[in-house]
């Protein structure tokens, strides 16, 4: 193909997708560093090495860009956690421990912790920005976790049967880890591991199985 030959439709679509992914990556970095209010579309475009107008070709406004950036980061993780929660081969305790351990690893060792902290902080100031996160990620995960806890309750595995009615209690310590991330990374990581072990002992009776991992 000569220099003057226009790219094929397939190649144009691939290039557009590459630019969109670059914009999402740059946007997430800007939102994490600056927060929603201080992030500017022109800065996102500069980071992504595209024209400002290119951003608006893919996203109607900054709110739409924020939602898409967070969704791109969190949806694959949510899908992996949902798969673990629906694993019927292991006990509820082993399944839940696998979910929390996988989430803990992401919160302490990757930018997932930064994204969760971003979501929590922006919910306070801009609740409309995180409605999708609530509806697409949090609520579905809470429903699956509640079903798992009810299985544990029926099997007599819970220390307190009422825990099955409040799956938020199970996930709360990991949100605290996300909020305090950055204070002291090495200390926080070790403390978080111990926190999870104590947390599981407080929820369940007996000795845990070896939990599965998250691919």
C-alpha atoms as a PDB file:
ATOM      1  CA  UNK A   1       0.000   0.000   0.000  1.00  0.00           C
ATOM      2  CA  UNK A   2       1.456   3.374  -1.043  1.00  0.00           C
ATOM      3  CA  UNK A   3       1.659   6.404   1.237  1.00  0.00           C
ATOM      4  CA  UNK A   4      -1.332   7.967  -0.551  1.00  0.00           C
ATOM      5  CA  UNK A   5      -3.542   4.899  -0.240  1.00  0.00           C
ATOM      6  CA  UNK A   6      -6.110   5.369   2.529  1.00  0.00           C
ATOM      7  CA  UNK A   7      -6.158   2.676   5.198  1.00  0.00           C
ATOM      8  CA  UNK A   8      -8.767  -0.047   4.937  1.00  0.00           C
ATOM      9  CA  UNK A   9     -11.946   0.111   6.973  1.00  0.00           C
ATOM     10  CA  UNK A  10     -10.625  -2.544   9.323  1.00  0.00           C
ATOM     11  CA  UNK A  11      -7.399  -0.649   9.865  1.00  0.00           C
ATOM     12  CA  UNK A  12      -9.292   2.617  10.474  1.00  0.00           C
ATOM     13  CA  UNK A  13     -11.450   0.925  13.079  1.00  0.00           C
ATOM     14  CA  UNK A  14      -8.367  -0.545  14.754  1.00  0.00           C
ATOM     15  CA  UNK A  15      -6.682   2.863  14.823  1.00  0.00           C
ATOM     16  CA  UNK A  16      -9.814   4.461  16.300  1.00  0.00           C
ATOM     17  CA  UNK A  17      -9.940   1.785  18.983  1.00  0.00           C
ATOM     18  CA  UNK A  18      -6.260   2.340  19.801  1.00  0.00           C
ATOM     19  CA  UNK A  19      -6.883   6.075  20.181  1.00  0.00           C
ATOM     20  CA  UNK A  20      -9.918   5.434  22.373  1.00  0.00           C
ATOM     21  CA  UNK A  21      -7.905   3.133  24.645  1.00  0.00           C
ATOM     22  CA  UNK A  22      -5.109   5.700  24.836  1.00  0.00           C
ATOM     23  CA  UNK A  23      -7.621   8.358  25.865  1.00  0.00           C
ATOM     24  CA  UNK A  24      -9.091   6.094  28.554  1.00  0.00           C
ATOM     25  CA  UNK A  25      -5.653   5.295  29.940  1.00  0.00           C
ATOM     26  CA  UNK A  26      -4.666   8.956  30.017  1.00  0.00           C
ATOM     27  CA  UNK A  27      -8.002   9.984  31.514  1.00  0.00           C
ATOM     28  CA  UNK A  28      -7.756   7.490  34.352  1.00  0.00           C
ATOM     29  CA  UNK A  29      -4.251   8.684  35.186  1.00  0.00           C
ATOM     30  CA  UNK A  30      -5.431  12.307  35.199  1.00  0.00           C
ATOM     31  CA  UNK A  31      -8.527  11.576  37.296  1.00  0.00           C
ATOM     32  CA  UNK A  32      -6.473   9.639  39.853  1.00  0.00           C
ATOM     33  CA  UNK A  33      -3.852  12.384  40.069  1.00  0.00           C
ATOM     34  CA  UNK A  34      -6.162  15.407  40.070  1.00  0.00           C
ATOM     35  CA  UNK A  35      -9.717  14.289  40.809  1.00  0.00           C
ATOM     36  CA  UNK A  36     -12.716  14.868  38.584  1.00  0.00           C
ATOM     37  CA  UNK A  37     -13.134  18.638  39.003  1.00  0.00           C
ATOM     38  CA  UNK A  38      -9.496  19.547  38.277  1.00  0.00           C
ATOM     39  CA  UNK A  39      -9.042  17.233  35.301  1.00  0.00           C
ATOM     40  CA  UNK A  40      -9.198  19.001  31.940  1.00  0.00           C
ATOM     41  CA  UNK A  41      -9.991  17.388  28.606  1.00  0.00           C
ATOM     42  CA  UNK A  42      -7.050  19.157  26.971  1.00  0.00           C
ATOM     43  CA  UNK A  43      -4.681  17.581  29.498  1.00  0.00           C
ATOM     44  CA  UNK A  44      -6.146  14.157  28.805  1.00  0.00           C
ATOM     45  CA  UNK A  45      -5.700  14.715  25.068  1.00  0.00           C
ATOM     46  CA  UNK A  46      -2.098  15.803  25.570  1.00  0.00           C
ATOM     47  CA  UNK A  47      -1.322  12.732  27.662  1.00  0.00           C
ATOM     48  CA  UNK A  48      -2.952  10.484  25.054  1.00  0.00           C
ATOM     49  CA  UNK A  49      -1.114  12.268  22.217  1.00  0.00           C
ATOM     50  CA  UNK A  50      -4.342  13.042  20.376  1.00  0.00           C
ATOM     51  CA  UNK A  51      -6.223  16.192  19.450  1.00  0.00           C
ATOM     52  CA  UNK A  52      -8.777  17.497  21.942  1.00  0.00           C
ATOM     53  CA  UNK A  53     -11.486  16.945  19.345  1.00  0.00           C
ATOM     54  CA  UNK A  54     -10.577  13.258  19.193  1.00  0.00           C
ATOM     55  CA  UNK A  55     -11.627  12.876  22.814  1.00  0.00           C
ATOM     56  CA  UNK A  56     -15.052  14.262  21.966  1.00  0.00           C
ATOM     57  CA  UNK A  57     -15.376  11.878  19.034  1.00  0.00           C
ATOM     58  CA  UNK A  58     -15.493   9.032  21.557  1.00  0.00           C
ATOM     59  CA  UNK A  59     -16.980  10.654  24.671  1.00  0.00           C
ATOM     60  CA  UNK A  60     -19.695  13.286  24.826  1.00  0.00           C
ATOM     61  CA  UNK A  61     -18.327  15.087  27.906  1.00  0.00           C
ATOM     62  CA  UNK A  62     -16.046  14.731  30.932  1.00  0.00           C
ATOM     63  CA  UNK A  63     -18.688  12.830  32.908  1.00  0.00           C
ATOM     64  CA  UNK A  64     -18.982  10.265  30.119  1.00  0.00           C
ATOM     65  CA  UNK A  65     -15.195   9.972  29.965  1.00  0.00           C
ATOM     66  CA  UNK A  66     -14.949   9.463  33.727  1.00  0.00           C
ATOM     67  CA  UNK A  67     -17.551   6.707  33.689  1.00  0.00           C
ATOM     68  CA  UNK A  68     -15.922   4.949  30.747  1.00  0.00           C
ATOM     69  CA  UNK A  69     -12.430   5.134  32.259  1.00  0.00           C
ATOM     70  CA  UNK A  70     -13.510   3.677  35.592  1.00  0.00           C
ATOM     71  CA  UNK A  71     -15.688   1.062  33.877  1.00  0.00           C
ATOM     72  CA  UNK A  72     -12.762  -0.067  31.714  1.00  0.00           C
ATOM     73  CA  UNK A  73     -10.627  -0.525  34.830  1.00  0.00           C
ATOM     74  CA  UNK A  74     -13.181  -2.153  37.120  1.00  0.00           C
ATOM     75  CA  UNK A  75     -15.379  -4.303  34.857  1.00  0.00           C
ATOM     76  CA  UNK A  76     -12.763  -7.027  34.178  1.00  0.00           C
ATOM     77  CA  UNK A  77     -12.025  -7.273  37.894  1.00  0.00           C
ATOM     78  CA  UNK A  78     -15.731  -7.464  38.720  1.00  0.00           C
ATOM     79  CA  UNK A  79     -16.182 -10.248  36.162  1.00  0.00           C
ATOM     80  CA  UNK A  80     -13.335 -12.237  37.704  1.00  0.00           C
ATOM     81  CA  UNK A  81     -14.710 -11.795  41.212  1.00  0.00           C
ATOM     82  CA  UNK A  82     -18.194 -12.780  40.033  1.00  0.00           C
ATOM     83  CA  UNK A  83     -16.767 -15.963  38.561  1.00  0.00           C
ATOM     84  CA  UNK A  84     -15.182 -16.827  41.896  1.00  0.00           C
ATOM     85  CA  UNK A  85     -18.368 -16.061  43.804  1.00  0.00           C
ATOM     86  CA  UNK A  86     -20.305 -18.454  41.564  1.00  0.00           C
ATOM     87  CA  UNK A  87     -17.817 -21.299  42.063  1.00  0.00           C
ATOM     88  CA  UNK A  88     -19.915 -24.101  43.523  1.00  0.00           C
ATOM     89  CA  UNK A  89     -17.025 -26.540  43.962  1.00  0.00           C
ATOM     90  CA  UNK A  90     -15.720 -25.099  47.238  1.00  0.00           C
ATOM     91  CA  UNK A  91     -17.176 -24.118  50.568  1.00  0.00           C
ATOM     92  CA  UNK A  92     -18.582 -20.609  51.002  1.00  0.00           C
ATOM     93  CA  UNK A  93     -15.654 -19.748  53.262  1.00  0.00           C
ATOM     94  CA  UNK A  94     -13.003 -20.804  50.737  1.00  0.00           C
ATOM     95  CA  UNK A  95     -14.855 -19.002  47.955  1.00  0.00           C
ATOM     96  CA  UNK A  96     -15.267 -15.783  49.903  1.00  0.00           C
ATOM     97  CA  UNK A  97     -11.662 -15.855  51.073  1.00  0.00           C
ATOM     98  CA  UNK A  98     -10.538 -16.214  47.455  1.00  0.00           C
ATOM     99  CA  UNK A  99     -12.626 -13.205  46.463  1.00  0.00           C
ATOM    100  CA  UNK A 100     -11.333 -11.035  49.284  1.00  0.00           C
ATOM    101  CA  UNK A 101      -7.734 -12.142  48.793  1.00  0.00           C
ATOM    102  CA  UNK A 102      -7.908 -11.356  45.072  1.00  0.00           C
ATOM    103  CA  UNK A 103      -9.429  -7.963  45.762  1.00  0.00           C
ATOM    104  CA  UNK A 104      -6.907  -7.253  48.511  1.00  0.00           C
ATOM    105  CA  UNK A 105      -4.035  -7.986  46.133  1.00  0.00           C
ATOM    106  CA  UNK A 106      -5.461  -5.590  43.561  1.00  0.00           C
ATOM    107  CA  UNK A 107      -6.105  -2.888  46.160  1.00  0.00           C
ATOM    108  CA  UNK A 108      -2.595  -3.011  47.656  1.00  0.00           C
ATOM    109  CA  UNK A 109      -0.468  -3.795  44.596  1.00  0.00           C
ATOM    110  CA  UNK A 110      -2.152  -2.157  41.609  1.00  0.00           C
ATOM    111  CA  UNK A 111      -3.934   1.075  40.791  1.00  0.00           C
ATOM    112  CA  UNK A 112      -7.278  -0.564  41.614  1.00  0.00           C
ATOM    113  CA  UNK A 113      -6.877   0.873  45.111  1.00  0.00           C
ATOM    114  CA  UNK A 114      -6.412   4.335  43.616  1.00  0.00           C
ATOM    115  CA  UNK A 115      -9.507   3.873  41.452  1.00  0.00           C
ATOM    116  CA  UNK A 116     -11.653   2.754  44.393  1.00  0.00           C
ATOM    117  CA  UNK A 117     -10.470   5.725  46.430  1.00  0.00           C
ATOM    118  CA  UNK A 118     -11.254   7.979  43.462  1.00  0.00           C
ATOM    119  CA  UNK A 119     -14.765   6.562  43.184  1.00  0.00           C
ATOM    120  CA  UNK A 120     -15.435   6.955  46.901  1.00  0.00           C
ATOM    121  CA  UNK A 121     -14.188  10.530  46.976  1.00  0.00           C
ATOM    122  CA  UNK A 122     -16.081  11.600  43.863  1.00  0.00           C
ATOM    123  CA  UNK A 123     -19.303   9.979  45.077  1.00  0.00           C
ATOM    124  CA  UNK A 124     -19.394  12.511  47.902  1.00  0.00           C
ATOM    125  CA  UNK A 125     -19.085  15.508  45.583  1.00  0.00           C
ATOM    126  CA  UNK A 126     -20.602  14.141  42.349  1.00  0.00           C
ATOM    127  CA  UNK A 127     -22.961  11.237  43.186  1.00  0.00           C
ATOM    128  CA  UNK A 128     -24.239  11.072  39.611  1.00  0.00           C
ATOM    129  CA  UNK A 129     -20.757  10.126  38.369  1.00  0.00           C
ATOM    130  CA  UNK A 130     -20.723   6.787  40.182  1.00  0.00           C
ATOM    131  CA  UNK A 131     -24.287   5.601  39.615  1.00  0.00           C
ATOM    132  CA  UNK A 132     -23.037   3.198  36.952  1.00  0.00           C
ATOM    133  CA  UNK A 133     -20.449   1.808  39.394  1.00  0.00           C
ATOM    134  CA  UNK A 134     -23.169   1.159  41.961  1.00  0.00           C
ATOM    135  CA  UNK A 135     -25.547  -0.440  39.465  1.00  0.00           C
ATOM    136  CA  UNK A 136     -23.067  -2.404  37.334  1.00  0.00           C
ATOM    137  CA  UNK A 137     -20.458  -3.484  39.876  1.00  0.00           C
ATOM    138  CA  UNK A 138     -21.379  -2.970  43.537  1.00  0.00           C
ATOM    139  CA  UNK A 139     -25.000  -4.163  43.576  1.00  0.00           C
ATOM    140  CA  UNK A 140     -24.426  -7.296  41.447  1.00  0.00           C
ATOM    141  CA  UNK A 141     -21.436  -8.257  43.592  1.00  0.00           C
ATOM    142  CA  UNK A 142     -23.399  -7.681  46.813  1.00  0.00           C
ATOM    143  CA  UNK A 143     -26.221  -9.913  45.531  1.00  0.00           C
ATOM    144  CA  UNK A 144     -23.786 -12.734  44.763  1.00  0.00           C
ATOM    145  CA  UNK A 145     -22.025 -12.303  48.075  1.00  0.00           C
ATOM    146  CA  UNK A 146     -25.328 -12.324  49.939  1.00  0.00           C
ATOM    147  CA  UNK A 147     -26.307 -15.596  48.265  1.00  0.00           C
ATOM    148  CA  UNK A 148     -22.948 -17.092  49.228  1.00  0.00           C
ATOM    149  CA  UNK A 149     -23.325 -15.974  52.838  1.00  0.00           C
ATOM    150  CA  UNK A 150     -26.812 -17.468  53.006  1.00  0.00           C
ATOM    151  CA  UNK A 151     -25.324 -20.794  51.912  1.00  0.00           C
ATOM    152  CA  UNK A 152     -22.809 -20.477  54.735  1.00  0.00           C
ATOM    153  CA  UNK A 153     -25.599 -19.566  57.150  1.00  0.00           C
ATOM    154  CA  UNK A 154     -27.617 -22.630  56.147  1.00  0.00           C
ATOM    155  CA  UNK A 155     -24.539 -24.814  56.689  1.00  0.00           C
ATOM    156  CA  UNK A 156     -23.934 -23.314  60.137  1.00  0.00           C
ATOM    157  CA  UNK A 157     -20.565 -21.847  59.100  1.00  0.00           C
ATOM    158  CA  UNK A 158     -21.181 -18.248  60.167  1.00  0.00           C
ATOM    159  CA  UNK A 159     -20.338 -17.061  63.660  1.00  0.00           C
ATOM    160  CA  UNK A 160     -23.225 -14.607  63.452  1.00  0.00           C
ATOM    161  CA  UNK A 161     -26.152 -15.626  61.254  1.00  0.00           C
ATOM    162  CA  UNK A 162     -27.112 -11.964  60.720  1.00  0.00           C
ATOM    163  CA  UNK A 163     -23.917 -11.420  58.695  1.00  0.00           C
ATOM    164  CA  UNK A 164     -25.720 -13.024  55.741  1.00  0.00           C
ATOM    165  CA  UNK A 165     -28.080 -10.033  55.632  1.00  0.00           C
ATOM    166  CA  UNK A 166     -25.265  -7.474  55.441  1.00  0.00           C
ATOM    167  CA  UNK A 167     -22.642  -8.378  52.813  1.00  0.00           C
ATOM    168  CA  UNK A 168     -21.406  -4.786  53.100  1.00  0.00           C
ATOM    169  CA  UNK A 169     -19.776  -5.795  56.389  1.00  0.00           C
ATOM    170  CA  UNK A 170     -17.670  -8.365  54.578  1.00  0.00           C
ATOM    171  CA  UNK A 171     -16.259  -5.932  52.037  1.00  0.00           C
ATOM    172  CA  UNK A 172     -15.872  -2.922  54.366  1.00  0.00           C
ATOM    173  CA  UNK A 173     -12.322  -3.674  55.632  1.00  0.00           C
ATOM    174  CA  UNK A 174     -10.992  -3.762  52.072  1.00  0.00           C
ATOM    175  CA  UNK A 175     -12.514  -0.369  51.353  1.00  0.00           C
ATOM    176  CA  UNK A 176     -10.663   0.924  54.404  1.00  0.00           C
ATOM    177  CA  UNK A 177      -7.423  -0.497  53.003  1.00  0.00           C
ATOM    178  CA  UNK A 178      -8.103   1.309  49.717  1.00  0.00           C
ATOM    179  CA  UNK A 179      -8.789   4.586  51.509  1.00  0.00           C
ATOM    180  CA  UNK A 180      -5.561   4.404  53.521  1.00  0.00           C
ATOM    181  CA  UNK A 181      -3.398   3.254  50.626  1.00  0.00           C
ATOM    182  CA  UNK A 182      -0.348   5.426  50.231  1.00  0.00           C
ATOM    183  CA  UNK A 183       0.217   6.130  53.920  1.00  0.00           C
ATOM    184  CA  UNK A 184       2.835   3.377  54.205  1.00  0.00           C
ATOM    185  CA  UNK A 185       2.700   0.852  51.362  1.00  0.00           C
ATOM    186  CA  UNK A 186       4.891  -1.874  52.881  1.00  0.00           C
ATOM    187  CA  UNK A 187       3.318  -1.680  56.324  1.00  0.00           C
ATOM    188  CA  UNK A 188      -0.169  -1.418  54.868  1.00  0.00           C
ATOM    189  CA  UNK A 189       0.313  -4.533  52.746  1.00  0.00           C
ATOM    190  CA  UNK A 190       1.435  -6.678  55.681  1.00  0.00           C
ATOM    191  CA  UNK A 191      -1.239  -5.270  57.971  1.00  0.00           C
ATOM    192  CA  UNK A 192      -3.883  -5.861  55.293  1.00  0.00           C
ATOM    193  CA  UNK A 193      -2.965  -9.554  55.036  1.00  0.00           C
ATOM    194  CA  UNK A 194      -3.338  -9.967  58.782  1.00  0.00           C
ATOM    195  CA  UNK A 195      -6.533  -7.916  58.751  1.00  0.00           C
ATOM    196  CA  UNK A 196      -8.019 -10.315  56.206  1.00  0.00           C
ATOM    197  CA  UNK A 197      -7.066 -13.371  58.266  1.00  0.00           C
ATOM    198  CA  UNK A 198      -8.641 -11.909  61.403  1.00  0.00           C
ATOM    199  CA  UNK A 199     -11.668 -10.755  59.436  1.00  0.00           C
ATOM    200  CA  UNK A 200     -12.313 -14.267  58.099  1.00  0.00           C
ATOM    201  CA  UNK A 201     -11.980 -15.759  61.589  1.00  0.00           C
ATOM    202  CA  UNK A 202     -14.542 -13.264  62.840  1.00  0.00           C
ATOM    203  CA  UNK A 203     -17.005 -14.224  60.099  1.00  0.00           C
ATOM    204  CA  UNK A 204     -16.606 -18.007  59.938  1.00  0.00           C
ATOM    205  CA  UNK A 205     -16.270 -20.906  62.319  1.00  0.00           C
ATOM    206  CA  UNK A 206     -13.655 -23.626  61.873  1.00  0.00           C
ATOM    207  CA  UNK A 207     -10.492 -23.855  59.764  1.00  0.00           C
ATOM    208  CA  UNK A 208     -10.300 -22.422  56.228  1.00  0.00           C
ATOM    209  CA  UNK A 209      -9.585 -24.395  53.081  1.00  0.00           C
ATOM    210  CA  UNK A 210      -6.916 -23.285  50.628  1.00  0.00           C
ATOM    211  CA  UNK A 211      -8.807 -20.770  48.460  1.00  0.00           C
ATOM    212  CA  UNK A 212      -8.684 -20.675  44.648  1.00  0.00           C
ATOM    213  CA  UNK A 213      -6.976 -17.774  42.915  1.00  0.00           C
ATOM    214  CA  UNK A 214      -8.128 -15.139  40.470  1.00  0.00           C
ATOM    215  CA  UNK A 215      -6.616 -15.527  37.001  1.00  0.00           C
END
